[in-house]
Amino acid sequence: MDGLPTTVRDEANRTVLAEARGSAQVDLDAWMAKEPARFQTMHQLNPNTGGEVDVPVTTPESEAAWQKWEAKRKELQGRIDGMDAIQNRYDDFVGDESTRPYLLGFDNKNLGHAVVSIGNPDTADNVVTYVPGTGSNLNGVDGLISRAEVLQDQASTTDPTHSTASIMWLGYDAPQSLVPDATYDTHWADNARAPLSNFLAGLDTAHHGGHANSTLLGHSYGSLVAGETMRDHPDLPVNNAILVGSPGTGVSHAKDLHIPADHVWAATAQNDLVNMAPPDAGPLAPLNPNAYRHLFDDHSAMYGTDPTSDEFGGRTFKVGNGHLPGWDWKLMPAHSQYWEGDSLKNMAKIATGGTG
């Protein structure tokens, strides 16, 4: 459906969403009926009274079976929660046209996919497309859409004279873990290149009255998706690239993204553990001392050249340091803090045609 008007896509995909939600509920109800017994009642002697009492106990086999069932239950419920989070955007919408949600893509296949725009990209002066990274799936789509919402709001504050549409593009299956999924494995990004390219070209086709100022924003592994897509599609209708918390983009230099190097922006928070990711030095890279040379030469990354380094040839912008690892019991809190403070303000400046 790439290239069709946003309003047409939205109507069609909302129908798909409703159908998928109903089907998912049927699946969950059927699974709930299969809950295995986690506990068994055992008669034991009460040492205080001398009588028998019923005590619930579990066996390794029953616990394993229940845990497997519970994992599937959480997965099914999580997908329903994700669908409800999308639908709630419509049910609770009270803003003006600039913040109206549009569902540009949806399915419940594999990890689940959703493309949501805040504002109409067909008529917006600026369009920013955010590609999320490791751990992204339909279950967690609420938080991903929220990032698009806060960026759209900040862009409207930064440049109230021009309209901005902010898109969350989860049109691919993202790696679900740092190790081993996202470590030295590009196949997730490889499979996303064509869908993302087609989507961006479709936005350009459907835009009214010429081209929008288009920005591609890649976060975490999503920056590799963005980088590979721009690398392999030289005529992609993208004016600016923003790369945050990036493990590398699949290229050695900003010019390899086929836009002017001064339109390629990157930033990584000081406390973001992605800074510690060693470049690919073979299958045992984490154990190879040479793999950590990037901590001293400031230009190597897991997937090519660190886009925040001078060697990459792009531009950098200011972000906060972020919280230290372990804050609020999170391993990498700083890796998720780019949609606040200076980082958010500077991304909005770039997306609206300014400088960070």
Protein backbone atom coordinates (compact mmCIF):
# COMPACT_ATOMS: atom_id res chain seq x y z
CA MET A 1 0.00 0.00 0.00
CA ASP A 2 3.04 2.29 -0.16
CA GLY A 3 2.25 5.43 -2.14
CA LEU A 4 -1.48 5.54 -1.40
CA PRO A 5 -2.92 8.59 0.40
CA THR A 6 -2.54 8.53 4.16
CA THR A 7 -6.28 8.72 4.79
CA VAL A 8 -6.89 5.65 2.60
CA ARG A 9 -4.13 3.66 4.30
CA ASP A 10 -5.40 4.67 7.72
CA GLU A 11 -8.93 3.50 7.02
CA ALA A 12 -7.78 0.16 5.62
CA ASN A 13 -5.31 -0.57 8.40
CA ARG A 14 -7.77 0.31 11.13
CA THR A 15 -10.03 -2.37 9.70
CA VAL A 16 -7.12 -4.82 9.77
CA LEU A 17 -6.40 -3.79 13.37
CA ALA A 18 -9.98 -4.48 14.48
CA GLU A 19 -9.97 -7.89 12.81
CA ALA A 20 -6.60 -8.82 14.27
CA ARG A 21 -7.71 -7.71 17.74
CA GLY A 22 -10.75 -9.97 17.58
CA SER A 23 -8.69 -12.92 16.36
CA ALA A 24 -6.09 -12.36 19.07
CA GLN A 25 -8.76 -12.40 21.76
CA VAL A 26 -10.04 -15.73 20.46
CA ASP A 27 -6.51 -17.13 20.62
CA LEU A 28 -6.02 -15.87 24.16
CA ASP A 29 -9.34 -17.27 25.38
CA ALA A 30 -8.49 -20.67 23.90
CA TRP A 31 -5.06 -20.62 25.53
CA MET A 32 -6.49 -19.66 28.92
CA ALA A 33 -8.61 -22.80 28.82
CA LYS A 34 -5.42 -24.90 28.55
CA GLU A 35 -3.80 -23.72 31.79
CA PRO A 36 -1.98 -26.68 33.33
CA ALA A 37 -2.09 -27.39 37.06
CA ARG A 38 0.81 -25.64 38.74
CA PHE A 39 0.17 -27.04 42.22
CA GLN A 40 -0.96 -30.37 43.58
CA THR A 41 -2.59 -30.88 46.97
CA MET A 42 -0.60 -33.08 49.32
CA HIS A 43 -1.70 -34.35 52.73
CA GLN A 44 0.88 -33.60 55.38
CA LEU A 45 0.95 -34.09 59.14
CA ASN A 46 0.60 -30.94 61.23
CA PRO A 47 3.25 -31.27 63.97
CA ASN A 48 1.29 -28.97 66.28
CA THR A 49 -2.07 -30.74 66.12
CA GLY A 50 -1.14 -34.17 64.93
CA GLY A 51 -3.82 -33.94 62.24
CA GLU A 52 -3.47 -33.90 58.48
CA VAL A 53 -3.56 -30.67 56.48
CA ASP A 54 -3.75 -30.02 52.74
CA VAL A 55 -0.60 -28.30 51.42
CA PRO A 56 -0.21 -27.04 47.83
CA VAL A 57 3.07 -28.24 46.32
CA THR A 58 4.64 -28.15 42.90
CA THR A 59 6.92 -30.52 41.06
CA PRO A 60 9.68 -29.56 38.61
CA GLU A 61 7.58 -30.98 35.78
CA SER A 62 4.40 -29.13 36.70
CA GLU A 63 6.28 -25.88 37.28
CA ALA A 64 8.04 -26.14 33.91
CA ALA A 65 4.76 -26.81 32.12
CA TRP A 66 3.07 -23.89 33.83
CA GLN A 67 5.95 -21.50 33.12
CA LYS A 68 5.82 -22.42 29.44
CA TRP A 69 2.06 -21.79 29.42
CA GLU A 70 2.48 -18.49 31.26
CA ALA A 71 5.11 -17.25 28.80
CA LYS A 72 2.70 -17.85 25.92
CA ARG A 73 -0.13 -16.19 27.86
CA LYS A 74 1.98 -13.07 28.42
CA GLU A 75 2.90 -12.99 24.74
CA LEU A 76 -0.73 -13.21 23.62
CA GLN A 77 -1.87 -10.64 26.18
CA GLY A 78 1.02 -8.35 25.25
CA ARG A 79 -0.04 -8.29 21.62
CA ILE A 80 -3.59 -7.43 22.63
CA ASP A 81 -2.26 -4.66 24.86
CA GLY A 82 -0.27 -3.32 21.92
CA MET A 83 -3.31 -3.31 19.66
CA ASP A 84 -5.35 -1.60 22.37
CA ALA A 85 -2.63 1.05 22.73
CA ILE A 86 -3.00 1.87 19.05
CA GLN A 87 -6.80 1.91 19.19
CA ASN A 88 -6.70 4.14 22.28
CA ARG A 89 -4.98 6.82 20.19
CA TYR A 90 -8.18 7.06 18.16
CA ASP A 91 -10.62 6.64 21.02
CA ASP A 92 -8.93 9.31 23.15
CA PHE A 93 -8.03 11.76 20.37
CA VAL A 94 -9.02 15.36 21.19
CA GLY A 95 -6.35 17.40 19.40
CA ASP A 96 -6.31 19.22 16.08
CA GLU A 97 -5.34 17.85 12.68
CA SER A 98 -1.64 18.34 13.35
CA THR A 99 -1.67 15.66 16.06
CA ARG A 100 -4.24 13.27 14.59
CA PRO A 101 -3.00 9.64 14.56
CA TYR A 102 -2.86 7.72 11.30
CA LEU A 103 -2.25 3.98 11.05
CA LEU A 104 -0.10 3.53 7.96
CA GLY A 105 0.65 -0.13 8.43
CA PHE A 106 -0.32 -2.99 10.70
CA ASP A 107 -0.15 -6.78 10.99
CA ASN A 108 0.16 -9.37 13.73
CA LYS A 109 2.66 -11.57 11.89
CA ASN A 110 5.93 -12.75 13.46
CA LEU A 111 6.74 -10.13 16.14
CA GLY A 112 3.92 -7.85 15.00
CA HIS A 113 4.33 -4.67 12.95
CA ALA A 114 2.83 -1.20 13.17
CA VAL A 115 3.45 2.12 11.44
CA VAL A 116 1.81 5.08 13.16
CA SER A 117 2.02 8.72 12.12
CA ILE A 118 1.23 11.65 14.38
CA GLY A 119 0.01 14.20 11.87
CA ASN A 120 -0.65 13.68 8.16
CA PRO A 121 2.61 13.15 6.23
CA ASP A 122 0.84 13.89 2.93
CA THR A 123 0.39 17.54 3.89
CA ALA A 124 3.15 18.17 6.47
CA ASP A 125 6.08 20.46 5.72
CA ASN A 126 8.41 18.20 7.70
CA VAL A 127 8.21 14.42 8.03
CA VAL A 128 10.42 12.50 10.45
CA THR A 129 10.41 8.69 10.36
CA TYR A 130 11.67 6.96 13.50
CA VAL A 131 13.02 3.40 13.25
CA PRO A 132 13.22 1.71 16.68
CA GLY A 133 15.84 -0.87 17.58
CA THR A 134 16.59 -3.88 19.75
CA GLY A 135 13.70 -5.24 21.76
CA SER A 136 11.00 -3.49 19.74
CA ASN A 137 7.82 -5.44 19.01
CA LEU A 138 4.06 -5.07 18.98
CA ASN A 139 3.85 -5.75 22.72
CA GLY A 140 5.81 -2.57 23.49
CA VAL A 141 4.35 -0.36 20.77
CA ASP A 142 2.75 2.06 23.25
CA GLY A 143 6.12 3.44 24.33
CA LEU A 144 7.40 3.60 20.75
CA ILE A 145 4.39 5.64 19.63
CA SER A 146 4.86 7.93 22.64
CA ARG A 147 8.33 8.79 21.33
CA ALA A 148 6.83 9.85 18.01
CA GLU A 149 4.25 11.93 19.87
CA VAL A 150 6.74 13.85 22.02
CA LEU A 151 8.96 14.53 19.00
CA GLN A 152 5.99 15.87 17.02
CA ASP A 153 5.01 18.08 19.95
CA GLN A 154 8.55 19.42 20.35
CA ALA A 155 8.86 20.04 16.61
CA SER A 156 5.64 22.06 16.67
CA THR A 157 7.06 24.14 19.51
CA THR A 158 10.40 24.56 17.76
CA ASP A 159 8.83 25.67 14.46
CA PRO A 160 5.15 26.57 14.85
CA THR A 161 5.02 28.09 11.36
CA HIS A 162 5.51 24.73 9.64
CA SER A 163 3.69 21.45 10.23
CA THR A 164 5.53 18.28 11.21
CA ALA A 165 4.36 14.68 10.95
CA SER A 166 6.20 12.25 13.21
CA ILE A 167 6.12 8.57 12.23
CA MET A 168 6.98 5.48 14.25
CA TRP A 169 8.01 2.81 11.72
CA LEU A 170 8.03 -0.68 13.19
CA GLY A 171 7.78 -2.31 9.79
CA TYR A 172 10.36 -5.00 10.46
CA ASP A 173 11.24 -7.72 12.96
CA ALA A 174 13.81 -6.19 15.29
CA PRO A 175 16.34 -8.25 17.25
CA GLN A 176 14.89 -9.03 20.67
CA SER A 177 18.10 -9.29 22.69
CA LEU A 178 21.51 -7.67 22.73
CA VAL A 179 23.21 -11.06 22.87
CA PRO A 180 23.10 -12.92 20.61
CA ASP A 181 20.44 -11.30 18.38
CA ALA A 182 21.79 -7.77 17.93
CA THR A 183 25.48 -8.67 18.19
CA TYR A 184 27.27 -8.86 14.86
CA ASP A 185 24.12 -10.00 13.05
CA THR A 186 22.87 -7.77 10.26
CA HIS A 187 20.11 -10.02 8.91
CA TRP A 188 17.44 -8.13 10.85
CA ALA A 189 18.54 -4.92 9.13
CA ASP A 190 19.09 -6.67 5.80
CA ASN A 191 15.45 -7.79 5.78
CA ALA A 192 14.24 -4.27 6.66
CA ARG A 193 15.99 -2.38 3.87
CA ALA A 194 13.45 -2.95 1.11
CA PRO A 195 10.34 -2.36 3.26
CA LEU A 196 11.75 0.87 4.68
CA SER A 197 12.90 2.10 1.28
CA ASN A 198 9.51 1.40 -0.24
CA PHE A 199 7.76 3.13 2.64
CA LEU A 200 9.85 6.30 2.36
CA ALA A 201 9.42 6.39 -1.42
CA GLY A 202 5.68 5.95 -0.92
CA LEU A 203 5.54 8.91 1.46
CA ASP A 204 7.20 11.05 -1.16
CA THR A 205 4.77 9.86 -3.85
CA ALA A 206 1.73 10.62 -1.73
CA HIS A 207 2.88 14.05 -0.57
CA HIS A 208 0.82 16.97 -1.78
CA GLY A 209 2.52 19.73 -3.73
CA GLY A 210 6.11 18.55 -3.92
CA HIS A 211 8.53 17.07 -1.43
CA ALA A 212 8.49 17.33 2.34
CA ASN A 213 11.64 17.96 4.36
CA SER A 214 12.25 14.29 5.21
CA THR A 215 14.30 13.08 8.18
CA LEU A 216 15.16 9.45 8.95
CA LEU A 217 15.75 8.85 12.66
CA GLY A 218 17.39 5.58 13.68
CA HIS A 219 17.78 4.55 17.31
CA SER A 220 20.00 1.71 18.53
CA TYR A 221 19.85 -1.17 16.02
CA GLY A 222 17.37 0.98 14.09
CA SER A 223 20.29 3.20 13.10
CA LEU A 224 21.82 0.21 11.30
CA VAL A 225 18.49 -0.30 9.53
CA ALA A 226 18.46 3.37 8.54
CA GLY A 227 22.11 3.33 7.48
CA GLU A 228 21.87 0.20 5.34
CA THR A 229 18.69 1.46 3.69
CA MET A 230 20.25 4.80 2.77
CA ARG A 231 23.48 3.11 1.69
CA ASP A 232 21.72 0.74 -0.71
CA HIS A 233 19.16 3.21 -2.11
CA PRO A 234 21.05 6.29 -3.34
CA ASP A 235 17.91 8.05 -4.58
CA LEU A 236 15.97 7.70 -1.34
CA PRO A 237 13.89 10.85 -0.64
CA VAL A 238 15.64 11.67 2.63
CA ASN A 239 17.12 15.07 3.46
CA ASN A 240 18.49 14.46 6.94
CA ALA A 241 19.58 11.52 9.06
CA ILE A 242 19.61 11.37 12.88
CA LEU A 243 21.42 8.48 14.55
CA VAL A 244 21.16 8.07 18.34
CA GLY A 245 22.62 5.36 20.53
CA SER A 246 24.07 3.82 17.40
CA PRO A 247 26.21 0.66 17.25
CA GLY A 248 27.14 1.70 13.70
CA THR A 249 25.33 2.23 10.44
CA GLY A 250 26.93 -0.28 8.10
CA VAL A 251 29.07 2.40 6.45
CA SER A 252 32.47 3.96 7.08
CA HIS A 253 31.64 7.57 6.29
CA ALA A 254 28.63 9.87 6.36
CA LYS A 255 28.92 10.48 2.62
CA ASP A 256 28.13 6.79 2.06
CA LEU A 257 24.55 7.56 3.10
CA HIS A 258 24.12 9.55 -0.13
CA ILE A 259 23.09 12.84 1.44
CA PRO A 260 25.39 15.78 2.29
CA ALA A 261 27.58 14.83 5.25
CA ASP A 262 26.52 17.97 7.12
CA HIS A 263 22.95 16.64 7.08
CA VAL A 264 23.98 13.49 8.96
CA TRP A 265 23.65 13.96 12.73
CA ALA A 266 24.64 11.57 15.49
CA ALA A 267 24.75 11.50 19.27
CA THR A 268 25.31 8.95 22.00
CA ALA A 269 24.84 9.67 25.69
CA GLN A 270 27.93 9.44 27.87
CA ASN A 271 26.36 6.75 30.07
CA ASP A 272 24.88 4.74 27.22
CA LEU A 273 26.47 1.29 27.34
CA VAL A 274 26.37 1.11 23.54
CA ASN A 275 29.68 2.99 23.85
CA MET A 276 31.18 -0.23 25.19
CA ALA A 277 30.05 -2.44 22.32
CA PRO A 278 33.21 -3.81 20.69
CA PRO A 279 33.62 -3.74 16.92
CA ASP A 280 33.43 -7.01 15.04
CA ALA A 281 36.76 -8.74 15.54
CA GLY A 282 35.62 -12.27 14.81
CA PRO A 283 33.30 -14.75 16.51
CA LEU A 284 35.07 -14.29 19.85
CA ALA A 285 35.18 -10.49 19.60
CA PRO A 286 34.09 -9.79 23.19
CA LEU A 287 37.06 -11.90 24.40
CA ASN A 288 39.56 -10.31 22.03
CA PRO A 289 41.48 -7.41 23.65
CA ASN A 290 41.94 -5.81 20.24
CA ALA A 291 38.16 -5.56 19.93
CA TYR A 292 38.17 -2.76 22.48
CA ARG A 293 40.56 -0.49 20.60
CA HIS A 294 37.60 1.80 19.87
CA LEU A 295 37.64 2.89 23.51
CA PHE A 296 40.96 4.58 22.76
CA ASP A 297 40.84 5.54 19.10
CA ASP A 298 37.18 6.76 19.19
CA HIS A 299 36.12 5.65 15.74
CA SER A 300 35.33 1.95 15.62
CA ALA A 301 31.84 0.58 16.24
CA MET A 302 30.10 -2.76 16.03
CA TYR A 303 28.83 -2.03 12.52
CA GLY A 304 31.37 0.21 10.82
CA THR A 305 32.62 3.59 11.97
CA ASP A 306 31.17 5.21 15.07
CA PRO A 307 28.88 7.92 13.66
CA THR A 308 29.76 10.27 16.53
CA SER A 309 33.48 10.16 15.67
CA ASP A 310 35.39 12.72 13.62
CA GLU A 311 36.37 9.94 11.20
CA PHE A 312 32.74 9.39 10.25
CA GLY A 313 32.56 12.90 8.84
CA GLY A 314 29.04 13.84 9.92
CA ARG A 315 27.88 16.22 12.62
CA THR A 316 27.07 15.68 16.27
CA PHE A 317 24.58 17.32 18.60
CA LYS A 318 24.25 17.70 22.35
CA VAL A 319 22.43 15.15 24.48
CA GLY A 320 22.28 14.62 28.22
CA ASN A 321 24.59 12.13 29.91
CA GLY A 322 21.68 9.88 30.84
CA HIS A 323 21.36 7.77 33.96
CA LEU A 324 24.09 5.38 35.02
CA PRO A 325 23.60 1.63 34.49
CA GLY A 326 21.51 0.19 37.29
CA TRP A 327 19.32 3.25 37.75
CA ASP A 328 15.79 2.14 38.57
CA TRP A 329 17.04 -1.46 38.16
CA LYS A 330 17.62 -0.93 34.44
CA LEU A 331 20.74 -2.18 32.67
CA MET A 332 20.91 0.59 30.05
CA PRO A 333 18.66 3.49 31.14
CA ALA A 334 20.64 6.08 29.17
CA HIS A 335 20.01 4.15 25.97
CA SER A 336 16.32 5.08 26.16
CA GLN A 337 16.63 8.73 27.21
CA TYR A 338 16.99 10.41 23.82
CA TRP A 339 13.38 11.60 23.79
CA GLU A 340 13.86 14.10 26.60
CA GLY A 341 15.87 17.19 27.47
CA ASP A 342 18.51 18.57 25.12
CA SER A 343 18.40 15.50 22.90
CA LEU A 344 14.69 15.89 22.16
CA LYS A 345 15.04 19.63 21.53
CA ASN A 346 17.95 19.15 19.15
CA MET A 347 16.31 16.32 17.24
CA ALA A 348 13.28 18.57 16.76
CA LYS A 349 15.53 21.37 15.46
CA ILE A 350 17.14 19.05 12.94
CA ALA A 351 13.81 17.59 11.83
CA THR A 352 12.42 21.06 11.20
CA GLY A 353 15.35 22.12 9.04
CA GLY A 354 17.59 23.71 11.65
CA THR A 355 20.78 22.58 13.35
CA GLY A 356 21.09 20.73 16.62
